[in-house]
Amino acid sequence: QVVLVESGGGLVQAGGSLRLSCAASGLTFRSYTMGWFRQAPGKEREVVAAVTGNGGRTYYADSVKGRFTISRDNVKNTVSLQMDRLKPEDTAVYYCAADLNLRDSIPPDRANEYDYWGQGTQVTVSS
């Protein structure tokens, strides 16, 4: 049984930082591209960042480039999202997701390509 558990969300002022973490179990972690998505009220779920199993390839949405950093620890089976210079428009529920990707190919940026999902963690950025 695959379980993804996010943590680290909360309320922060604009310009501040948060670090999200996702702990994975029940899967061969190294074989999965890990992604972070977010969904704001009334909007579709969108990709924020993703990283391949070997950590060699990353993907960032244009809206977060230069502010967010994704990283993973294949020993601890965790993936993190460091979010700096947060903006009110970053407010959303953030989800961790896993995509089986044995070839470490370019991380997918569509939600329907991911196999497993966490329950989400709320991030609220006040102005």
C-alpha atoms as a PDB file:
ATOM      1  CA  GLN A   1       0.000   0.000   0.000  1.00  0.00           C
ATOM      2  CA  VAL A   2       1.490   3.272  -1.134  1.00  0.00           C
ATOM      3  CA  VAL A   3       1.144   6.141   1.305  1.00  0.00           C
ATOM      4  CA  LEU A   4       2.296   9.716   0.782  1.00  0.00           C
ATOM      5  CA  VAL A   5       2.064  12.084   3.736  1.00  0.00           C
ATOM      6  CA  GLU A   6       2.682  15.808   3.395  1.00  0.00           C
ATOM      7  CA  SER A   7       3.646  18.133   6.207  1.00  0.00           C
ATOM      8  CA  GLY A   8       4.921  21.657   6.704  1.00  0.00           C
ATOM      9  CA  GLY A   9       2.033  23.762   5.489  1.00  0.00           C
ATOM     10  CA  GLY A  10       0.766  26.769   7.381  1.00  0.00           C
ATOM     11  CA  LEU A  11       0.162  30.502   7.394  1.00  0.00           C
ATOM     12  CA  VAL A  12       2.960  32.849   6.400  1.00  0.00           C
ATOM     13  CA  GLN A  13       3.241  36.494   5.407  1.00  0.00           C
ATOM     14  CA  ALA A  14       4.116  37.490   1.881  1.00  0.00           C
ATOM     15  CA  GLY A  15       7.856  37.373   1.357  1.00  0.00           C
ATOM     16  CA  GLY A  16       8.282  34.600   3.899  1.00  0.00           C
ATOM     17  CA  SER A  17       9.317  30.974   3.516  1.00  0.00           C
ATOM     18  CA  LEU A  18       7.923  27.526   4.151  1.00  0.00           C
ATOM     19  CA  ARG A  19       9.322  24.067   3.652  1.00  0.00           C
ATOM     20  CA  LEU A  20       6.994  21.239   2.714  1.00  0.00           C
ATOM     21  CA  SER A  21       7.944  17.612   3.154  1.00  0.00           C
ATOM     22  CA  CYS A  22       6.426  14.406   1.854  1.00  0.00           C
ATOM     23  CA  ALA A  23       7.185  11.026   3.375  1.00  0.00           C
ATOM     24  CA  ALA A  24       6.600   8.039   1.105  1.00  0.00           C
ATOM     25  CA  SER A  25       6.111   4.398   2.006  1.00  0.00           C
ATOM     26  CA  GLY A  26       5.014   1.226   0.262  1.00  0.00           C
ATOM     27  CA  LEU A  27       6.893   1.884  -2.981  1.00  0.00           C
ATOM     28  CA  THR A  28      10.380   1.611  -4.416  1.00  0.00           C
ATOM     29  CA  PHE A  29      10.994   5.297  -3.949  1.00  0.00           C
ATOM     30  CA  ARG A  30      13.984   5.574  -6.288  1.00  0.00           C
ATOM     31  CA  SER A  31      11.830   4.338  -9.196  1.00  0.00           C
ATOM     32  CA  TYR A  32       9.394   7.221  -8.933  1.00  0.00           C
ATOM     33  CA  THR A  33       9.432  10.765 -10.142  1.00  0.00           C
ATOM     34  CA  MET A  34       8.045  12.866  -7.320  1.00  0.00           C
ATOM     35  CA  GLY A  35       6.001  15.969  -7.935  1.00  0.00           C
ATOM     36  CA  TRP A  36       4.407  18.773  -6.003  1.00  0.00           C
ATOM     37  CA  PHE A  37       1.079  20.105  -7.204  1.00  0.00           C
ATOM     38  CA  ARG A  38      -1.236  22.745  -5.840  1.00  0.00           C
ATOM     39  CA  GLN A  39      -4.879  23.569  -6.113  1.00  0.00           C
ATOM     40  CA  ALA A  40      -6.453  26.871  -5.190  1.00  0.00           C
ATOM     41  CA  PRO A  41     -10.211  27.248  -4.656  1.00  0.00           C
ATOM     42  CA  GLY A  42     -12.052  27.253  -7.965  1.00  0.00           C
ATOM     43  CA  LYS A  43      -8.937  26.411  -9.941  1.00  0.00           C
ATOM     44  CA  GLU A  44      -7.524  23.269 -11.498  1.00  0.00           C
ATOM     45  CA  ARG A  45      -4.723  21.344  -9.897  1.00  0.00           C
ATOM     46  CA  GLU A  46      -1.426  22.509 -11.340  1.00  0.00           C
ATOM     47  CA  VAL A  47       2.111  21.257 -11.196  1.00  0.00           C
ATOM     48  CA  VAL A  48       4.561  23.247  -9.087  1.00  0.00           C
ATOM     49  CA  ALA A  49       7.747  21.192  -9.330  1.00  0.00           C
ATOM     50  CA  ALA A  50       8.943  17.653  -9.975  1.00  0.00           C
ATOM     51  CA  VAL A  51      12.149  15.659  -9.670  1.00  0.00           C
ATOM     52  CA  THR A  52      13.202  12.357 -11.199  1.00  0.00           C
ATOM     53  CA  GLY A  53      14.116   9.320  -9.140  1.00  0.00           C
ATOM     54  CA  ASN A  54      17.842   9.888  -9.466  1.00  0.00           C
ATOM     55  CA  GLY A  55      17.442  13.587  -8.738  1.00  0.00           C
ATOM     56  CA  GLY A  56      19.032  14.442 -12.044  1.00  0.00           C
ATOM     57  CA  ARG A  57      16.128  16.207 -13.686  1.00  0.00           C
ATOM     58  CA  THR A  58      13.810  18.778 -12.247  1.00  0.00           C
ATOM     59  CA  TYR A  59      10.843  20.701 -13.532  1.00  0.00           C
ATOM     60  CA  TYR A  60       9.432  23.962 -12.227  1.00  0.00           C
ATOM     61  CA  ALA A  61       6.357  25.887 -13.193  1.00  0.00           C
ATOM     62  CA  ASP A  62       7.235  29.326 -14.538  1.00  0.00           C
ATOM     63  CA  SER A  63       5.368  30.939 -11.664  1.00  0.00           C
ATOM     64  CA  VAL A  64       7.736  29.487  -9.061  1.00  0.00           C
ATOM     65  CA  LYS A  65      11.088  29.407 -10.856  1.00  0.00           C
ATOM     66  CA  GLY A  66      13.763  31.070  -8.778  1.00  0.00           C
ATOM     67  CA  ARG A  67      11.628  30.958  -5.624  1.00  0.00           C
ATOM     68  CA  PHE A  68      10.930  27.260  -5.011  1.00  0.00           C
ATOM     69  CA  THR A  69      13.382  24.367  -4.833  1.00  0.00           C
ATOM     70  CA  ILE A  70      12.500  20.693  -4.941  1.00  0.00           C
ATOM     71  CA  SER A  71      14.796  18.055  -3.461  1.00  0.00           C
ATOM     72  CA  ARG A  72      14.619  14.419  -2.481  1.00  0.00           C
ATOM     73  CA  ASP A  73      16.335  12.009  -0.134  1.00  0.00           C
ATOM     74  CA  ASN A  74      16.296   8.458  -1.482  1.00  0.00           C
ATOM     75  CA  VAL A  75      17.530   7.065   1.828  1.00  0.00           C
ATOM     76  CA  LYS A  76      14.782   8.619   3.910  1.00  0.00           C
ATOM     77  CA  ASN A  77      12.163   8.299   1.131  1.00  0.00           C
ATOM     78  CA  THR A  78      11.239  11.942   1.336  1.00  0.00           C
ATOM     79  CA  VAL A  79      10.763  14.792  -1.079  1.00  0.00           C
ATOM     80  CA  SER A  80      10.789  18.418  -0.010  1.00  0.00           C
ATOM     81  CA  LEU A  81       9.727  21.727  -1.455  1.00  0.00           C
ATOM     82  CA  GLN A  82      11.509  24.805  -0.167  1.00  0.00           C
ATOM     83  CA  MET A  83       9.316  27.823  -0.874  1.00  0.00           C
ATOM     84  CA  ASP A  84      10.888  31.265  -0.563  1.00  0.00           C
ATOM     85  CA  ARG A  85       9.604  34.764  -1.326  1.00  0.00           C
ATOM     86  CA  LEU A  86       6.080  33.513  -1.059  1.00  0.00           C
ATOM     87  CA  LYS A  87       3.258  35.489  -2.638  1.00  0.00           C
ATOM     88  CA  PRO A  88      -0.462  35.573  -1.848  1.00  0.00           C
ATOM     89  CA  GLU A  89      -1.093  33.826  -5.167  1.00  0.00           C
ATOM     90  CA  ASP A  90       0.852  30.820  -3.855  1.00  0.00           C
ATOM     91  CA  THR A  91      -2.040  30.144  -1.476  1.00  0.00           C
ATOM     92  CA  ALA A  92      -3.403  26.668  -2.180  1.00  0.00           C
ATOM     93  CA  VAL A  93      -3.553  23.103  -0.982  1.00  0.00           C
ATOM     94  CA  TYR A  94      -0.248  21.481  -1.905  1.00  0.00           C
ATOM     95  CA  TYR A  95      -0.120  17.826  -2.864  1.00  0.00           C
ATOM     96  CA  CYS A  96       2.713  15.368  -3.180  1.00  0.00           C
ATOM     97  CA  ALA A  97       2.471  12.857  -6.024  1.00  0.00           C
ATOM     98  CA  ALA A  98       4.441   9.887  -7.366  1.00  0.00           C
ATOM     99  CA  ASP A  99       4.873   8.723 -10.959  1.00  0.00           C
ATOM    100  CA  LEU A 100       6.556   5.427 -11.847  1.00  0.00           C
ATOM    101  CA  ASN A 101       9.448   6.487 -14.078  1.00  0.00           C
ATOM    102  CA  LEU A 102      12.130   3.826 -14.393  1.00  0.00           C
ATOM    103  CA  ARG A 103      14.057   5.666 -17.099  1.00  0.00           C
ATOM    104  CA  ASP A 104      14.309   8.967 -15.227  1.00  0.00           C
ATOM    105  CA  SER A 105      12.811  10.683 -18.226  1.00  0.00           C
ATOM    106  CA  ILE A 106      11.624  14.286 -18.154  1.00  0.00           C
ATOM    107  CA  PRO A 107       9.199  14.712 -15.248  1.00  0.00           C
ATOM    108  CA  PRO A 108       5.578  14.899 -16.379  1.00  0.00           C
ATOM    109  CA  ASP A 109       3.714  18.101 -15.677  1.00  0.00           C
ATOM    110  CA  ARG A 110       0.150  16.797 -15.856  1.00  0.00           C
ATOM    111  CA  ALA A 111      -1.685  15.508 -12.832  1.00  0.00           C
ATOM    112  CA  ASN A 112      -3.219  12.560 -14.668  1.00  0.00           C
ATOM    113  CA  GLU A 113       0.235  11.110 -15.291  1.00  0.00           C
ATOM    114  CA  TYR A 114       0.882  10.574 -11.597  1.00  0.00           C
ATOM    115  CA  ASP A 115      -0.050   7.313  -9.926  1.00  0.00           C
ATOM    116  CA  TYR A 116      -0.258   8.120  -6.234  1.00  0.00           C
ATOM    117  CA  TRP A 117      -1.245  11.177  -4.230  1.00  0.00           C
ATOM    118  CA  GLY A 118      -1.012  12.472  -0.719  1.00  0.00           C
ATOM    119  CA  GLN A 119      -3.880  14.075   1.175  1.00  0.00           C
ATOM    120  CA  GLY A 120      -2.568  17.614   0.795  1.00  0.00           C
ATOM    121  CA  THR A 121      -1.396  20.371   3.102  1.00  0.00           C
ATOM    122  CA  GLN A 122      -2.731  23.921   3.201  1.00  0.00           C
ATOM    123  CA  VAL A 123      -0.428  26.842   2.475  1.00  0.00           C
ATOM    124  CA  THR A 124      -1.822  30.313   3.088  1.00  0.00           C
ATOM    125  CA  VAL A 125       0.163  33.439   2.261  1.00  0.00           C
ATOM    126  CA  SER A 126      -1.194  36.669   3.674  1.00  0.00           C
ATOM    127  CA  SER A 127      -0.558  40.038   2.047  1.00  0.00           C
END
